[in-house]
Amino acid sequence: MVSTDFLRQIEGYGLTTARILYRIPDHRSVLQTYLWQDYDLAPDFPVLQKFLAFWKRELDGPLHSVRVAHSCLIKPAEFLSVNGVLTLH
């Protein structure tokens, strides 16, 4: 059986991490951090948008800010192997 995460990567999804800062409902001047991670499509992030809509609709802690990192936005350089050498004089 193939992993659903692998199938999503084949479809173009990449690992997305969001650092969500929100205000504690009883103490609005205090910020709390929540880390969210799932596979999502950059640059629209429909899965993250759905989660944030749920947060605003169902949870009491109002959002302060959201910082997003995605595998397409930040990733190591890619290297290709070379099968020959060309010398120019």
PDB file of N, CA and C in Angstrom:
ATOM      1  N   MET A   1       0.850  -1.181   0.000  1.00  0.00           N
ATOM      2  CA  MET A   1       0.000   0.000   0.000  1.00  0.00           C
ATOM      3  C   MET A   1       0.892   1.240   0.000  1.00  0.00           C
ATOM      4  N   VAL A   2       0.586   2.182  -0.855  1.00  0.00           N
ATOM      5  CA  VAL A   2       1.367   3.401  -0.995  1.00  0.00           C
ATOM      6  C   VAL A   2       0.887   4.433   0.021  1.00  0.00           C
ATOM      7  N   SER A   3       1.823   5.138   0.626  1.00  0.00           N
ATOM      8  CA  SER A   3       1.511   6.172   1.607  1.00  0.00           C
ATOM      9  C   SER A   3       0.728   7.316   0.955  1.00  0.00           C
ATOM     10  N   THR A   4      -0.274   7.835   1.650  1.00  0.00           N
ATOM     11  CA  THR A   4      -1.034   8.971   1.125  1.00  0.00           C
ATOM     12  C   THR A   4      -0.157  10.219   1.032  1.00  0.00           C
ATOM     13  N   ASP A   5       0.803  10.370   1.946  1.00  0.00           N
ATOM     14  CA  ASP A   5       1.722  11.508   1.878  1.00  0.00           C
ATOM     15  C   ASP A   5       2.571  11.442   0.613  1.00  0.00           C
ATOM     16  N   PHE A   6       3.007  10.232   0.235  1.00  0.00           N
ATOM     17  CA  PHE A   6       3.787  10.072  -0.991  1.00  0.00           C
ATOM     18  C   PHE A   6       2.942  10.419  -2.218  1.00  0.00           C
ATOM     19  N   LEU A   7       1.704   9.967  -2.226  1.00  0.00           N
ATOM     20  CA  LEU A   7       0.815  10.279  -3.353  1.00  0.00           C
ATOM     21  C   LEU A   7       0.585  11.781  -3.475  1.00  0.00           C
ATOM     22  N   ARG A   8       0.457  12.457  -2.356  1.00  0.00           N
ATOM     23  CA  ARG A   8       0.277  13.911  -2.383  1.00  0.00           C
ATOM     24  C   ARG A   8       1.521  14.606  -2.925  1.00  0.00           C
ATOM     25  N   GLN A   9       2.703  14.098  -2.593  1.00  0.00           N
ATOM     26  CA  GLN A   9       3.937  14.679  -3.126  1.00  0.00           C
ATOM     27  C   GLN A   9       3.991  14.518  -4.640  1.00  0.00           C
ATOM     28  N   ILE A  10       3.531  13.377  -5.144  1.00  0.00           N
ATOM     29  CA  ILE A  10       3.479  13.144  -6.593  1.00  0.00           C
ATOM     30  C   ILE A  10       2.555  14.168  -7.254  1.00  0.00           C
ATOM     31  N   GLU A  11       1.494  14.560  -6.558  1.00  0.00           N
ATOM     32  CA  GLU A  11       0.529  15.526  -7.093  1.00  0.00           C
ATOM     33  C   GLU A  11       1.011  16.971  -6.966  1.00  0.00           C
ATOM     34  N   GLY A  12       2.197  17.170  -6.375  1.00  0.00           N
ATOM     35  CA  GLY A  12       2.750  18.523  -6.268  1.00  0.00           C
ATOM     36  C   GLY A  12       2.699  19.126  -4.887  1.00  0.00           C
ATOM     37  N   TYR A  13       2.142  18.411  -3.927  1.00  0.00           N
ATOM     38  CA  TYR A  13       2.102  18.911  -2.562  1.00  0.00           C
ATOM     39  C   TYR A  13       3.498  18.865  -1.958  1.00  0.00           C
ATOM     40  N   GLY A  14       3.787  19.791  -1.059  1.00  0.00           N
ATOM     41  CA  GLY A  14       5.058  19.804  -0.356  1.00  0.00           C
ATOM     42  C   GLY A  14       4.818  20.015   1.122  1.00  0.00           C
ATOM     43  N   LEU A  15       5.765  19.608   1.934  1.00  0.00           N
ATOM     44  CA  LEU A  15       5.637  19.755   3.380  1.00  0.00           C
ATOM     45  C   LEU A  15       5.603  21.235   3.736  1.00  0.00           C
ATOM     46  N   THR A  16       4.587  21.628   4.462  1.00  0.00           N
ATOM     47  CA  THR A  16       4.383  23.015   4.850  1.00  0.00           C
ATOM     48  C   THR A  16       4.353  23.100   6.364  1.00  0.00           C
ATOM     49  N   THR A  17       5.072  24.059   6.913  1.00  0.00           N
ATOM     50  CA  THR A  17       5.069  24.322   8.341  1.00  0.00           C
ATOM     51  C   THR A  17       4.623  25.755   8.560  1.00  0.00           C
ATOM     52  N   ALA A  18       3.679  25.947   9.469  1.00  0.00           N
ATOM     53  CA  ALA A  18       3.198  27.283   9.796  1.00  0.00           C
ATOM     54  C   ALA A  18       3.392  27.526  11.284  1.00  0.00           C
ATOM     55  N   ARG A  19       4.009  28.664  11.602  1.00  0.00           N
ATOM     56  CA  ARG A  19       4.119  29.094  12.997  1.00  0.00           C
ATOM     57  C   ARG A  19       3.008  30.112  13.218  1.00  0.00           C
ATOM     58  N   ILE A  20       2.048  29.744  14.041  1.00  0.00           N
ATOM     59  CA  ILE A  20       0.873  30.578  14.274  1.00  0.00           C
ATOM     60  C   ILE A  20       1.002  31.219  15.651  1.00  0.00           C
ATOM     61  N   LEU A  21       0.976  32.544  15.674  1.00  0.00           N
ATOM     62  CA  LEU A  21       0.932  33.275  16.937  1.00  0.00           C
ATOM     63  C   LEU A  21      -0.513  33.701  17.166  1.00  0.00           C
ATOM     64  N   TYR A  22      -1.016  33.418  18.357  1.00  0.00           N
ATOM     65  CA  TYR A  22      -2.384  33.792  18.675  1.00  0.00           C
ATOM     66  C   TYR A  22      -2.457  34.346  20.086  1.00  0.00           C
ATOM     67  N   ARG A  23      -3.494  35.093  20.348  1.00  0.00           N
ATOM     68  CA  ARG A  23      -3.692  35.698  21.664  1.00  0.00           C
ATOM     69  C   ARG A  23      -4.492  34.737  22.550  1.00  0.00           C
ATOM     70  N   ILE A  24      -4.062  34.606  23.795  1.00  0.00           N
ATOM     71  CA  ILE A  24      -4.780  33.770  24.750  1.00  0.00           C
ATOM     72  C   ILE A  24      -6.111  34.454  25.063  1.00  0.00           C
ATOM     73  N   PRO A  25      -7.221  33.729  24.988  1.00  0.00           N
ATOM     74  CA  PRO A  25      -8.539  34.365  25.140  1.00  0.00           C
ATOM     75  C   PRO A  25      -8.717  35.164  26.439  1.00  0.00           C
ATOM     76  N   ASP A  26      -8.227  34.649  27.566  1.00  0.00           N
ATOM     77  CA  ASP A  26      -8.429  35.338  28.842  1.00  0.00           C
ATOM     78  C   ASP A  26      -7.430  36.469  29.084  1.00  0.00           C
ATOM     79  N   HIS A  27      -6.307  36.446  28.382  1.00  0.00           N
ATOM     80  CA  HIS A  27      -5.259  37.461  28.557  1.00  0.00           C
ATOM     81  C   HIS A  27      -4.810  37.902  27.166  1.00  0.00           C
ATOM     82  N   ARG A  28      -5.507  38.841  26.574  1.00  0.00           N
ATOM     83  CA  ARG A  28      -5.285  39.237  25.184  1.00  0.00           C
ATOM     84  C   ARG A  28      -3.896  39.807  24.915  1.00  0.00           C
ATOM     85  N   SER A  29      -3.183  40.251  25.953  1.00  0.00           N
ATOM     86  CA  SER A  29      -1.846  40.812  25.733  1.00  0.00           C
ATOM     87  C   SER A  29      -0.767  39.724  25.673  1.00  0.00           C
ATOM     88  N   VAL A  30      -1.127  38.466  25.954  1.00  0.00           N
ATOM     89  CA  VAL A  30      -0.174  37.356  25.962  1.00  0.00           C
ATOM     90  C   VAL A  30      -0.314  36.572  24.656  1.00  0.00           C
ATOM     91  N   LEU A  31       0.833  36.346  23.994  1.00  0.00           N
ATOM     92  CA  LEU A  31       0.847  35.571  22.750  1.00  0.00           C
ATOM     93  C   LEU A  31       1.308  34.144  23.019  1.00  0.00           C
ATOM     94  N   GLN A  32       0.681  33.210  22.331  1.00  0.00           N
ATOM     95  CA  GLN A  32       1.036  31.794  22.413  1.00  0.00           C
ATOM     96  C   GLN A  32       1.414  31.324  21.018  1.00  0.00           C
ATOM     97  N   THR A  33       2.306  30.333  20.915  1.00  0.00           N
ATOM     98  CA  THR A  33       2.731  29.802  19.628  1.00  0.00           C
ATOM     99  C   THR A  33       2.115  28.423  19.395  1.00  0.00           C
ATOM    100  N   TYR A  34       1.672  28.198  18.162  1.00  0.00           N
ATOM    101  CA  TYR A  34       1.172  26.895  17.739  1.00  0.00           C
ATOM    102  C   TYR A  34       1.867  26.545  16.428  1.00  0.00           C
ATOM    103  N   LEU A  35       2.444  25.350  16.347  1.00  0.00           N
ATOM    104  CA  LEU A  35       3.081  24.895  15.101  1.00  0.00           C
ATOM    105  C   LEU A  35       2.159  23.919  14.388  1.00  0.00           C
ATOM    106  N   TRP A  36       1.916  24.198  13.108  1.00  0.00           N
ATOM    107  CA  TRP A  36       1.056  23.369  12.275  1.00  0.00           C
ATOM    108  C   TRP A  36       1.899  22.839  11.125  1.00  0.00           C
ATOM    109  N   GLN A  37       1.735  21.551  10.798  1.00  0.00           N
ATOM    110  CA  GLN A  37       2.502  20.967   9.701  1.00  0.00           C
ATOM    111  C   GLN A  37       1.632  19.972   8.944  1.00  0.00           C
ATOM    112  N   ASP A  38       1.650  20.102   7.619  1.00  0.00           N
ATOM    113  CA  ASP A  38       0.881  19.201   6.752  1.00  0.00           C
ATOM    114  C   ASP A  38       1.410  19.371   5.327  1.00  0.00           C
ATOM    115  N   TYR A  39       0.944  18.538   4.416  1.00  0.00           N
ATOM    116  CA  TYR A  39       1.300  18.694   3.005  1.00  0.00           C
ATOM    117  C   TYR A  39       0.308  19.651   2.360  1.00  0.00           C
ATOM    118  N   ASP A  40       0.842  20.618   1.601  1.00  0.00           N
ATOM    119  CA  ASP A  40       0.007  21.653   1.023  1.00  0.00           C
ATOM    120  C   ASP A  40       0.598  22.123  -0.299  1.00  0.00           C
ATOM    121  N   LEU A  41      -0.198  22.857  -1.071  1.00  0.00           N
ATOM    122  CA  LEU A  41       0.221  23.375  -2.378  1.00  0.00           C
ATOM    123  C   LEU A  41       0.601  24.848  -2.263  1.00  0.00           C
ATOM    124  N   ALA A  42       1.845  25.178  -2.621  1.00  0.00           N
ATOM    125  CA  ALA A  42       2.269  26.585  -2.650  1.00  0.00           C
ATOM    126  C   ALA A  42       1.875  27.160  -3.992  1.00  0.00           C
ATOM    127  N   PRO A  43       1.594  28.407  -4.148  1.00  0.00           N
ATOM    128  CA  PRO A  43       1.649  29.467  -3.148  1.00  0.00           C
ATOM    129  C   PRO A  43       0.294  29.781  -2.512  1.00  0.00           C
ATOM    130  N   ASP A  44      -0.774  29.057  -2.887  1.00  0.00           N
ATOM    131  CA  ASP A  44      -2.109  29.380  -2.357  1.00  0.00           C
ATOM    132  C   ASP A  44      -2.388  28.742  -0.995  1.00  0.00           C
ATOM    133  N   PHE A  45      -1.768  27.607  -0.704  1.00  0.00           N
ATOM    134  CA  PHE A  45      -1.905  26.898   0.570  1.00  0.00           C
ATOM    135  C   PHE A  45      -3.366  26.631   0.947  1.00  0.00           C
ATOM    136  N   PRO A  46      -4.112  25.869   0.129  1.00  0.00           N
ATOM    137  CA  PRO A  46      -5.523  25.633   0.432  1.00  0.00           C
ATOM    138  C   PRO A  46      -5.762  24.858   1.730  1.00  0.00           C
ATOM    139  N   VAL A  47      -4.876  23.931   2.080  1.00  0.00           N
ATOM    140  CA  VAL A  47      -5.046  23.157   3.316  1.00  0.00           C
ATOM    141  C   VAL A  47      -4.847  24.072   4.526  1.00  0.00           C
ATOM    142  N   LEU A  48      -3.831  24.912   4.480  1.00  0.00           N
ATOM    143  CA  LEU A  48      -3.588  25.862   5.569  1.00  0.00           C
ATOM    144  C   LEU A  48      -4.729  26.865   5.667  1.00  0.00           C
ATOM    145  N   GLN A  49      -5.224  27.350   4.533  1.00  0.00           N
ATOM    146  CA  GLN A  49      -6.343  28.302   4.541  1.00  0.00           C
ATOM    147  C   GLN A  49      -7.581  27.671   5.185  1.00  0.00           C
ATOM    148  N   LYS A  50      -7.821  26.408   4.889  1.00  0.00           N
ATOM    149  CA  LYS A  50      -8.957  25.693   5.484  1.00  0.00           C
ATOM    150  C   LYS A  50      -8.775  25.577   6.995  1.00  0.00           C
ATOM    151  N   PHE A  51      -7.552  25.259   7.443  1.00  0.00           N
ATOM    152  CA  PHE A  51      -7.286  25.154   8.872  1.00  0.00           C
ATOM    153  C   PHE A  51      -7.463  26.504   9.567  1.00  0.00           C
ATOM    154  N   LEU A  52      -6.957  27.582   8.949  1.00  0.00           N
ATOM    155  CA  LEU A  52      -7.089  28.912   9.551  1.00  0.00           C
ATOM    156  C   LEU A  52      -8.550  29.357   9.599  1.00  0.00           C
ATOM    157  N   ALA A  53      -9.335  29.005   8.598  1.00  0.00           N
ATOM    158  CA  ALA A  53     -10.772  29.315   8.613  1.00  0.00           C
ATOM    159  C   ALA A  53     -11.456  28.582   9.766  1.00  0.00           C
ATOM    160  N   PHE A  54     -11.086  27.300   9.965  1.00  0.00           N
ATOM    161  CA  PHE A  54     -11.602  26.543  11.109  1.00  0.00           C
ATOM    162  C   PHE A  54     -11.216  27.225  12.410  1.00  0.00           C
ATOM    163  N   TRP A  55      -9.956  27.661  12.530  1.00  0.00           N
ATOM    164  CA  TRP A  55      -9.470  28.319  13.741  1.00  0.00           C
ATOM    165  C   TRP A  55     -10.314  29.559  14.051  1.00  0.00           C
ATOM    166  N   LYS A  56     -10.503  30.409  13.046  1.00  0.00           N
ATOM    167  CA  LYS A  56     -11.263  31.650  13.257  1.00  0.00           C
ATOM    168  C   LYS A  56     -12.730  31.370  13.616  1.00  0.00           C
ATOM    169  N   ARG A  57     -13.277  30.306  13.039  1.00  0.00           N
ATOM    170  CA  ARG A  57     -14.688  29.984  13.246  1.00  0.00           C
ATOM    171  C   ARG A  57     -14.935  29.293  14.590  1.00  0.00           C
ATOM    172  N   GLU A  58     -14.022  28.389  15.011  1.00  0.00           N
ATOM    173  CA  GLU A  58     -14.300  27.515  16.145  1.00  0.00           C
ATOM    174  C   GLU A  58     -13.515  27.811  17.421  1.00  0.00           C
ATOM    175  N   LEU A  59     -12.371  28.469  17.320  1.00  0.00           N
ATOM    176  CA  LEU A  59     -11.522  28.660  18.495  1.00  0.00           C
ATOM    177  C   LEU A  59     -11.601  30.099  18.997  1.00  0.00           C
ATOM    178  N   ASP A  60     -11.372  30.269  20.298  1.00  0.00           N
ATOM    179  CA  ASP A  60     -11.510  31.583  20.914  1.00  0.00           C
ATOM    180  C   ASP A  60     -10.273  32.460  20.785  1.00  0.00           C
ATOM    181  N   GLY A  61      -9.094  31.875  20.637  1.00  0.00           N
ATOM    182  CA  GLY A  61      -7.856  32.658  20.576  1.00  0.00           C
ATOM    183  C   GLY A  61      -7.693  33.347  19.232  1.00  0.00           C
ATOM    184  N   PRO A  62      -7.821  34.691  19.171  1.00  0.00           N
ATOM    185  CA  PRO A  62      -7.673  35.379  17.882  1.00  0.00           C
ATOM    186  C   PRO A  62      -6.245  35.294  17.349  1.00  0.00           C
ATOM    187  N   LEU A  63      -6.128  35.163  16.040  1.00  0.00           N
ATOM    188  CA  LEU A  63      -4.822  35.060  15.394  1.00  0.00           C
ATOM    189  C   LEU A  63      -4.093  36.398  15.438  1.00  0.00           C
ATOM    190  N   HIS A  64      -2.792  36.315  15.678  1.00  0.00           N
ATOM    191  CA  HIS A  64      -1.945  37.505  15.625  1.00  0.00           C
ATOM    192  C   HIS A  64      -1.166  37.529  14.316  1.00  0.00           C
ATOM    193  N   SER A  65      -0.481  36.406  14.007  1.00  0.00           N
ATOM    194  CA  SER A  65       0.298  36.320  12.770  1.00  0.00           C
ATOM    195  C   SER A  65       0.544  34.858  12.420  1.00  0.00           C
ATOM    196  N   VAL A  66       0.850  34.639  11.133  1.00  0.00           N
ATOM    197  CA  VAL A  66       1.157  33.295  10.633  1.00  0.00           C
ATOM    198  C   VAL A  66       2.395  33.404   9.754  1.00  0.00           C
ATOM    199  N   ARG A  67       3.417  32.600  10.050  1.00  0.00           N
ATOM    200  CA  ARG A  67       4.630  32.542   9.239  1.00  0.00           C
ATOM    201  C   ARG A  67       4.714  31.158   8.621  1.00  0.00           C
ATOM    202  N   VAL A  68       4.916  31.106   7.297  1.00  0.00           N
ATOM    203  CA  VAL A  68       4.847  29.849   6.551  1.00  0.00           C
ATOM    204  C   VAL A  68       6.202  29.503   5.948  1.00  0.00           C
ATOM    205  N   ALA A  69       6.577  28.226   6.066  1.00  0.00           N
ATOM    206  CA  ALA A  69       7.742  27.674   5.366  1.00  0.00           C
ATOM    207  C   ALA A  69       7.245  26.467   4.571  1.00  0.00           C
ATOM    208  N   HIS A  70       7.673  26.382   3.314  1.00  0.00           N
ATOM    209  CA  HIS A  70       7.220  25.307   2.425  1.00  0.00           C
ATOM    210  C   HIS A  70       8.422  24.742   1.698  1.00  0.00           C
ATOM    211  N   SER A  71       8.395  23.469   1.394  1.00  0.00           N
ATOM    212  CA  SER A  71       9.540  22.824   0.747  1.00  0.00           C
ATOM    213  C   SER A  71       9.857  23.427  -0.612  1.00  0.00           C
ATOM    214  N   CYS A  72       8.887  24.024  -1.289  1.00  0.00           N
ATOM    215  CA  CYS A  72       9.171  24.690  -2.575  1.00  0.00           C
ATOM    216  C   CYS A  72       9.765  26.074  -2.371  1.00  0.00           C
ATOM    217  N   LEU A  73       9.476  26.692  -1.229  1.00  0.00           N
ATOM    218  CA  LEU A  73      10.005  28.021  -0.948  1.00  0.00           C
ATOM    219  C   LEU A  73      11.442  27.954  -0.450  1.00  0.00           C
ATOM    220  N   ILE A  74      11.739  26.935   0.359  1.00  0.00           N
ATOM    221  CA  ILE A  74      13.078  26.770   0.927  1.00  0.00           C
ATOM    222  C   ILE A  74      13.474  25.313   0.752  1.00  0.00           C
ATOM    223  N   LYS A  75      14.547  25.064   0.023  1.00  0.00           N
ATOM    224  CA  LYS A  75      15.034  23.698  -0.096  1.00  0.00           C
ATOM    225  C   LYS A  75      16.494  23.727  -0.534  1.00  0.00           C
ATOM    226  N   PRO A  76      17.210  22.652  -0.305  1.00  0.00           N
ATOM    227  CA  PRO A  76      18.618  22.631  -0.682  1.00  0.00           C
ATOM    228  C   PRO A  76      18.802  22.661  -2.196  1.00  0.00           C
ATOM    229  N   ALA A  77      19.980  23.045  -2.605  1.00  0.00           N
ATOM    230  CA  ALA A  77      20.297  23.067  -4.037  1.00  0.00           C
ATOM    231  C   ALA A  77      20.244  21.647  -4.595  1.00  0.00           C
ATOM    232  N   GLU A  78      19.876  21.554  -5.854  1.00  0.00           N
ATOM    233  CA  GLU A  78      19.824  20.258  -6.509  1.00  0.00           C
ATOM    234  C   GLU A  78      21.066  20.080  -7.366  1.00  0.00           C
ATOM    235  N   PHE A  79      21.616  18.884  -7.361  1.00  0.00           N
ATOM    236  CA  PHE A  79      22.811  18.576  -8.125  1.00  0.00           C
ATOM    237  C   PHE A  79      22.482  17.505  -9.152  1.00  0.00           C
ATOM    238  N   LEU A  80      23.093  17.618 -10.314  1.00  0.00           N
ATOM    239  CA  LEU A  80      22.951  16.615 -11.360  1.00  0.00           C
ATOM    240  C   LEU A  80      24.312  15.982 -11.616  1.00  0.00           C
ATOM    241  N   SER A  81      24.317  14.691 -11.842  1.00  0.00           N
ATOM    242  CA  SER A  81      25.579  14.027 -12.147  1.00  0.00           C
ATOM    243  C   SER A  81      25.990  14.319 -13.589  1.00  0.00           C
ATOM    244  N   VAL A  82      27.296  14.411 -13.807  1.00  0.00           N
ATOM    245  CA  VAL A  82      27.842  14.690 -15.130  1.00  0.00           C
ATOM    246  C   VAL A  82      28.481  13.415 -15.646  1.00  0.00           C
ATOM    247  N   ASN A  83      28.183  13.054 -16.907  1.00  0.00           N
ATOM    248  CA  ASN A  83      28.696  11.808 -17.466  1.00  0.00           C
ATOM    249  C   ASN A  83      29.922  12.028 -18.350  1.00  0.00           C
ATOM    250  N   GLY A  84      30.417  13.244 -18.458  1.00  0.00           N
ATOM    251  CA  GLY A  84      31.564  13.504 -19.309  1.00  0.00           C
ATOM    252  C   GLY A  84      32.213  14.831 -18.950  1.00  0.00           C
ATOM    253  N   VAL A  85      33.381  15.073 -19.537  1.00  0.00           N
ATOM    254  CA  VAL A  85      34.102  16.321 -19.306  1.00  0.00           C
ATOM    255  C   VAL A  85      34.377  16.956 -20.638  1.00  0.00           C
ATOM    256  N   LEU A  86      34.143  18.236 -20.749  1.00  0.00           N
ATOM    257  CA  LEU A  86      34.396  18.998 -21.960  1.00  0.00           C
ATOM    258  C   LEU A  86      35.431  20.049 -21.615  1.00  0.00           C
ATOM    259  N   THR A  87      36.548  20.025 -22.343  1.00  0.00           N
ATOM    260  CA  THR A  87      37.618  20.989 -22.109  1.00  0.00           C
ATOM    261  C   THR A  87      37.671  21.983 -23.251  1.00  0.00           C
ATOM    262  N   LEU A  88      37.612  23.271 -22.912  1.00  0.00           N
ATOM    263  CA  LEU A  88      37.702  24.330 -23.916  1.00  0.00           C
ATOM    264  C   LEU A  88      39.016  25.078 -23.740  1.00  0.00           C
ATOM    265  N   HIS A  89      39.710  25.384 -24.863  1.00  0.00           N
ATOM    266  CA  HIS A  89      40.966  26.128 -24.812  1.00  0.00           C
ATOM    267  C   HIS A  89      40.753  27.521 -25.309  1.00  0.00           C
TER     268      HIS A  89
END
